[in-house]
Amino acid sequence: MAGLLYLVATPIGNADDMTFRGLAVLRSVDLIVCEERREGERLLRHFDVTKPLETLNEHNEAAATHTILQILRSGKNVAVISDCGTPVFSDPGQLLVRKAVEESIRVVPIPGASSLLPALTVSGFSIDQFLYYGWLSPKKERRRAELRQLQQEHRTIVLMETPYRLSSLLRDLADTFGDTRRCCLAFNLTMPDERIYHDTAAGLYRTLGSKELKGEFVVVIDGRKIDRRR
């Protein structure tokens, strides 16, 4: 019988957000798969977990997936973690999960910390429906074209970006959405320096565009309001 493939969410910043169930799984499996070895070792050391560690990331995903599937087929249990938050979501691992499902290997999600829902809930915008767009193009012109397309979206929009592109993103948001659309920027969620900013796109750029903010963030944009007078 094949082993179990666990997807274990880890803290996005504050270590106290690790769940009891997540720790129990990490201590019980035969192998832990992480995105980056240094981050994986740091997390396991913090929680005093000693297990064999393998990596699965964008550079070795195909080969690592093949190896992990062989281990699962042998009956051993495997836990996948990402550098932070929920594995597979906007992280490598989709190929592994897809192949496991195809082979009827049981995949068990172990929920926990995520930056997506906290950012949505503190935004103050409607979240009955929302569009998770994720990462925009790193190329300036294509990124601006994507934002112009999103300008017509009536649902709340969620964007994520790497820390070093925050200023560029805020500039493009200001140019596209101006002072007509409200935004929420959730910075370093769960951390001691956590900040939640509410303003228009242009207002956020005026306030934060020139600052050297280094950390993880999520941007939530209010949907375009429907003109019901027509």
Protein backbone atom coordinates (compact mmCIF):
# COMPACT_ATOMS: atom_id res chain seq x y z
CA MET A 1 0.00 0.00 0.00
CA ALA A 2 1.26 3.47 -0.88
CA GLY A 3 2.09 5.98 1.80
CA LEU A 4 0.29 9.25 2.50
CA LEU A 5 1.27 12.60 1.02
CA TYR A 6 0.67 15.39 3.54
CA LEU A 7 0.58 19.08 2.56
CA VAL A 8 1.49 20.87 5.79
CA ALA A 9 0.96 24.61 6.16
CA THR A 10 3.68 26.43 8.09
CA PRO A 11 3.77 29.92 9.68
CA ILE A 12 3.97 32.94 7.38
CA GLY A 13 6.03 34.83 9.94
CA ASN A 14 4.96 34.22 13.51
CA ALA A 15 6.10 30.77 14.64
CA ASP A 16 3.23 30.57 17.14
CA ASP A 17 0.87 30.05 14.20
CA MET A 18 2.15 26.50 13.66
CA THR A 19 -0.66 24.07 14.41
CA PHE A 20 -0.47 21.13 16.82
CA ARG A 21 -1.68 18.84 14.06
CA GLY A 22 0.96 20.14 11.65
CA LEU A 23 3.72 19.42 14.15
CA ALA A 24 2.34 15.96 14.88
CA VAL A 25 2.40 15.12 11.18
CA LEU A 26 5.95 16.43 10.70
CA ARG A 27 7.11 14.28 13.62
CA SER A 28 5.37 11.17 12.30
CA VAL A 29 6.33 11.05 8.60
CA ASP A 30 9.30 9.29 7.08
CA LEU A 31 10.40 12.23 4.92
CA ILE A 32 9.85 15.99 4.81
CA VAL A 33 10.05 17.81 1.48
CA CYS A 34 10.82 21.52 1.58
CA GLU A 35 11.23 24.28 -0.98
CA GLU A 36 14.63 25.58 0.14
CA ARG A 37 16.84 23.44 2.38
CA ARG A 38 18.02 26.33 4.56
CA GLU A 39 14.47 27.46 5.30
CA GLY A 40 13.31 23.90 5.88
CA GLU A 41 16.15 23.17 8.30
CA ARG A 42 15.49 26.42 10.15
CA LEU A 43 11.82 25.58 10.65
CA LEU A 44 12.44 22.00 11.76
CA ARG A 45 15.22 23.10 14.12
CA HIS A 46 12.91 25.68 15.72
CA PHE A 47 10.31 23.00 16.48
CA ASP A 48 12.89 20.34 17.37
CA VAL A 49 11.85 18.04 14.54
CA THR A 50 14.49 15.67 13.21
CA LYS A 51 13.62 13.99 9.93
CA PRO A 52 15.27 13.31 6.56
CA LEU A 53 14.87 16.34 4.32
CA GLU A 54 14.61 16.60 0.54
CA THR A 55 13.99 19.64 -1.66
CA LEU A 56 11.39 20.25 -4.33
CA ASN A 57 11.49 23.61 -6.06
CA GLU A 58 11.25 25.23 -9.48
CA HIS A 59 14.75 24.03 -10.39
CA ASN A 60 14.28 20.30 -9.73
CA GLU A 61 10.51 19.78 -9.71
CA ALA A 62 10.33 17.00 -12.32
CA ALA A 63 13.20 14.94 -10.90
CA ALA A 64 12.14 15.48 -7.28
CA THR A 65 8.56 14.51 -8.08
CA HIS A 66 9.76 11.22 -9.60
CA THR A 67 11.85 10.44 -6.51
CA ILE A 68 9.12 11.34 -4.02
CA LEU A 69 6.55 9.22 -5.85
CA GLN A 70 8.88 6.23 -5.63
CA ILE A 71 9.16 6.77 -1.86
CA LEU A 72 5.37 7.03 -1.53
CA ARG A 73 4.88 3.87 -3.60
CA SER A 74 7.14 2.02 -1.15
CA GLY A 75 4.65 2.75 1.63
CA LYS A 76 6.43 5.62 3.33
CA ASN A 77 4.63 8.80 4.38
CA VAL A 78 5.84 12.17 3.10
CA ALA A 79 5.08 15.72 4.25
CA VAL A 80 5.51 18.71 1.95
CA ILE A 81 6.13 22.18 3.38
CA SER A 82 6.88 25.49 1.68
CA ASP A 83 9.14 28.27 2.90
CA CYS A 84 6.07 29.77 4.55
CA GLY A 85 2.31 29.34 4.41
CA THR A 86 0.40 26.67 2.53
CA PRO A 87 2.46 24.45 0.20
CA VAL A 88 1.53 24.12 -3.49
CA PHE A 89 -0.49 27.37 -3.39
CA SER A 90 1.62 29.71 -5.56
CA ASP A 91 4.55 27.38 -4.82
CA PRO A 92 6.08 24.31 -6.48
CA GLY A 93 4.37 20.99 -5.82
CA GLN A 94 1.39 20.98 -8.17
CA LEU A 95 3.06 18.37 -10.38
CA LEU A 96 3.63 16.10 -7.39
CA VAL A 97 0.02 16.40 -6.23
CA ARG A 98 -1.33 15.81 -9.74
CA LYS A 99 0.79 12.69 -10.20
CA ALA A 100 -0.17 11.40 -6.75
CA VAL A 101 -3.86 11.84 -7.54
CA GLU A 102 -3.41 10.04 -10.85
CA GLU A 103 -1.86 7.11 -8.99
CA SER A 104 -4.60 7.13 -6.33
CA ILE A 105 -2.10 8.07 -3.63
CA ARG A 106 -3.99 9.78 -0.83
CA VAL A 107 -3.18 13.48 -0.46
CA VAL A 108 -3.97 14.95 2.97
CA PRO A 109 -4.12 18.75 3.44
CA ILE A 110 -3.06 20.03 6.87
CA PRO A 111 -4.38 23.62 6.97
CA GLY A 112 -2.77 26.51 8.75
CA ALA A 113 -1.42 29.99 8.19
CA SER A 114 -2.04 31.83 4.93
CA SER A 115 -1.61 35.47 3.93
CA LEU A 116 -4.53 35.43 1.49
CA LEU A 117 -7.55 35.22 3.80
CA PRO A 118 -6.19 37.53 6.53
CA ALA A 119 -5.50 40.22 3.92
CA LEU A 120 -9.00 39.83 2.49
CA THR A 121 -10.71 39.98 5.85
CA VAL A 122 -8.93 43.16 6.99
CA SER A 123 -9.47 44.95 3.67
CA GLY A 124 -13.03 45.96 4.43
CA PHE A 125 -14.05 45.14 0.86
CA SER A 126 -16.70 42.71 -0.28
CA ILE A 127 -15.35 39.15 -0.22
CA ASP A 128 -18.50 37.28 -1.23
CA GLN A 129 -16.64 36.91 -4.51
CA PHE A 130 -13.02 37.77 -5.22
CA LEU A 131 -10.42 37.27 -7.93
CA TYR A 132 -7.06 35.89 -6.86
CA TYR A 133 -4.79 37.10 -9.64
CA GLY A 134 -1.53 36.36 -7.82
CA TRP A 135 1.70 37.59 -9.33
CA LEU A 136 1.68 40.12 -12.15
CA SER A 137 4.27 40.01 -14.91
CA PRO A 138 7.74 41.22 -13.86
CA LYS A 139 7.93 43.09 -17.19
CA LYS A 140 6.74 46.67 -16.85
CA GLU A 141 4.63 47.02 -20.00
CA ARG A 142 2.94 43.66 -19.64
CA ARG A 143 2.30 44.33 -15.93
CA ARG A 144 0.61 47.63 -16.78
CA ALA A 145 -1.48 45.92 -19.46
CA GLU A 146 -2.63 43.35 -16.91
CA LEU A 147 -3.60 46.12 -14.49
CA ARG A 148 -5.57 47.95 -17.17
CA GLN A 149 -7.50 44.75 -17.80
CA LEU A 150 -8.12 44.29 -14.07
CA GLN A 151 -9.42 47.84 -13.85
CA GLN A 152 -12.74 46.60 -15.26
CA GLU A 153 -13.09 43.82 -12.67
CA HIS A 154 -16.14 44.15 -10.39
CA ARG A 155 -14.92 41.59 -7.86
CA THR A 156 -12.35 42.30 -5.17
CA ILE A 157 -8.86 41.62 -6.56
CA VAL A 158 -5.93 40.05 -4.71
CA LEU A 159 -2.35 40.59 -5.88
CA MET A 160 0.91 39.25 -4.51
CA GLU A 161 4.41 40.35 -5.38
CA THR A 162 8.01 39.91 -4.35
CA PRO A 163 9.24 42.46 -1.75
CA TYR A 164 11.72 44.15 -4.06
CA ARG A 165 8.99 45.05 -6.57
CA LEU A 166 6.65 46.77 -4.11
CA SER A 167 7.55 50.30 -5.20
CA SER A 168 7.15 49.45 -8.89
CA LEU A 169 3.79 47.80 -8.26
CA LEU A 170 2.50 50.78 -6.27
CA ARG A 171 3.60 53.14 -9.03
CA ASP A 172 1.77 51.14 -11.67
CA LEU A 173 -1.31 50.80 -9.46
CA ALA A 174 -1.37 54.57 -8.97
CA ASP A 175 -1.04 55.18 -12.72
CA THR A 176 -3.83 52.72 -13.49
CA PHE A 177 -6.34 53.11 -10.67
CA GLY A 178 -5.48 56.63 -9.45
CA ASP A 179 -7.54 58.11 -6.61
CA THR A 180 -10.75 56.42 -7.71
CA ARG A 181 -10.21 52.89 -6.34
CA ARG A 182 -9.63 51.90 -2.73
CA CYS A 183 -6.81 49.48 -1.88
CA CYS A 184 -5.53 47.66 1.15
CA LEU A 185 -1.88 46.70 1.57
CA ALA A 186 -1.19 44.06 4.22
CA PHE A 187 2.51 44.13 5.07
CA ASN A 188 4.40 41.45 7.05
CA LEU A 189 1.26 39.79 8.38
CA THR A 190 1.63 38.12 11.81
CA MET A 191 5.01 39.78 12.39
CA PRO A 192 5.86 42.41 15.07
CA ASP A 193 6.11 45.06 12.34
CA GLU A 194 2.81 44.09 10.73
CA ARG A 195 1.12 47.04 9.06
CA ILE A 196 -2.25 47.37 7.33
CA TYR A 197 -2.62 50.36 5.00
CA HIS A 198 -5.98 51.54 3.64
CA ASP A 199 -5.98 54.19 0.93
CA THR A 200 -6.52 54.74 -2.76
CA ALA A 201 -3.94 53.33 -5.16
CA ALA A 202 -2.46 56.79 -5.68
CA GLY A 203 -2.53 57.46 -1.94
CA LEU A 204 -0.58 54.30 -1.19
CA TYR A 205 2.07 55.30 -3.69
CA ARG A 206 2.37 58.79 -2.21
CA THR A 207 2.74 57.33 1.27
CA LEU A 208 4.88 54.27 0.60
CA GLY A 209 6.37 54.56 -2.89
CA SER A 210 9.61 56.11 -1.70
CA LYS A 211 9.99 53.97 1.43
CA GLU A 212 12.34 51.01 1.62
CA LEU A 213 9.85 48.44 2.87
CA LYS A 214 11.41 44.99 2.97
CA GLY A 215 9.00 42.19 3.67
CA GLU A 216 6.13 40.09 2.38
CA PHE A 217 2.92 41.81 1.39
CA VAL A 218 -0.49 41.31 -0.19
CA VAL A 219 -2.46 43.97 -2.08
CA VAL A 220 -6.25 43.87 -2.11
CA ILE A 221 -8.11 46.15 -4.55
CA ASP A 222 -11.79 47.04 -4.24
CA GLY A 223 -13.85 45.95 -7.22
CA ARG A 224 -15.21 48.42 -9.73
CA LYS A 225 -18.61 49.67 -8.67
CA ILE A 226 -21.51 48.90 -10.97
CA ASP A 227 -23.43 51.96 -12.15
CA ARG A 228 -27.03 50.94 -11.46
CA ARG A 229 -28.50 54.17 -12.83
CA ARG A 230 -28.36 52.78 -16.37
